[in-house]
Protein backbone atom coordinates (compact mmCIF):
# COMPACT_ATOMS: atom_id res chain seq x y z
CA UNK A 1 13.84 7.04 -1.32
CA UNK A 2 11.23 9.19 -2.08
CA UNK A 3 8.13 8.62 0.03
CA UNK A 4 5.94 7.96 -3.51
CA UNK A 5 8.42 5.04 -3.97
CA UNK A 6 8.30 4.25 -0.49
CA UNK A 7 4.58 3.86 -1.01
CA UNK A 8 4.68 2.25 -3.92
CA UNK A 9 6.78 -0.45 -2.48
CA UNK A 10 5.35 -1.11 0.62
CA UNK A 11 1.57 -1.54 -1.36
CA UNK A 12 3.37 -3.88 -3.83
CA UNK A 13 4.95 -5.95 -0.68
CA UNK A 14 1.34 -5.67 1.59
CA UNK A 15 -0.06 -7.16 -1.31
CA UNK A 16 1.70 -9.64 -2.38
CA UNK A 17 1.95 -11.07 1.30
CA UNK A 18 -1.53 -10.51 2.42
CA UNK A 19 -2.35 -13.33 -1.04
CA UNK A 20 0.28 -15.60 0.43
CA UNK A 21 -0.27 -15.48 4.44
CA UNK A 22 -3.01 -18.30 5.67
CA UNK A 23 -3.94 -15.90 8.87
CA UNK A 24 -7.00 -14.43 7.98
CA UNK A 25 -6.49 -11.29 10.70
CA UNK A 26 -3.32 -10.54 9.57
CA UNK A 27 -4.14 -11.01 5.81
CA UNK A 28 -6.96 -8.39 6.71
CA UNK A 29 -4.29 -6.02 8.11
CA UNK A 30 -2.30 -6.09 5.03
CA UNK A 31 -4.90 -4.91 2.68
CA UNK A 32 -6.29 -2.30 5.08
CA UNK A 33 -2.51 -1.29 4.74
CA UNK A 34 -2.15 -1.33 1.24
CA UNK A 35 -5.64 0.58 0.74
CA UNK A 36 -4.02 3.50 2.92
CA UNK A 37 -0.89 3.41 0.77
CA UNK A 38 -2.94 3.43 -2.34
CA UNK A 39 -4.99 6.12 -0.85
CA UNK A 40 -2.11 8.25 -0.09
CA UNK A 41 -0.10 7.35 -3.35
CA UNK A 42 -3.61 9.00 -4.84
CA UNK A 43 -3.20 12.07 -2.77
CA UNK A 44 0.31 12.68 -3.64
CA UNK A 45 -0.08 11.94 -7.71
CA UNK A 46 -3.32 14.80 -7.65
CA UNK A 47 -0.92 17.48 -5.52
CA UNK A 48 2.19 16.96 -8.03
CA UNK A 49 -0.18 17.05 -11.12
CA UNK A 50 -1.40 20.39 -10.15
């Protein structure tokens, strides 16, 4: 699996779990992880477009 595909999968999974989970701290950590995945995806997308 390519890194970009992995990041997309993890991003979607983290966002789904963050919405479904009741524990606030865990939800915030999942949202932070999703933001990290999104940021890395943007960087990789810019590199591949150049």
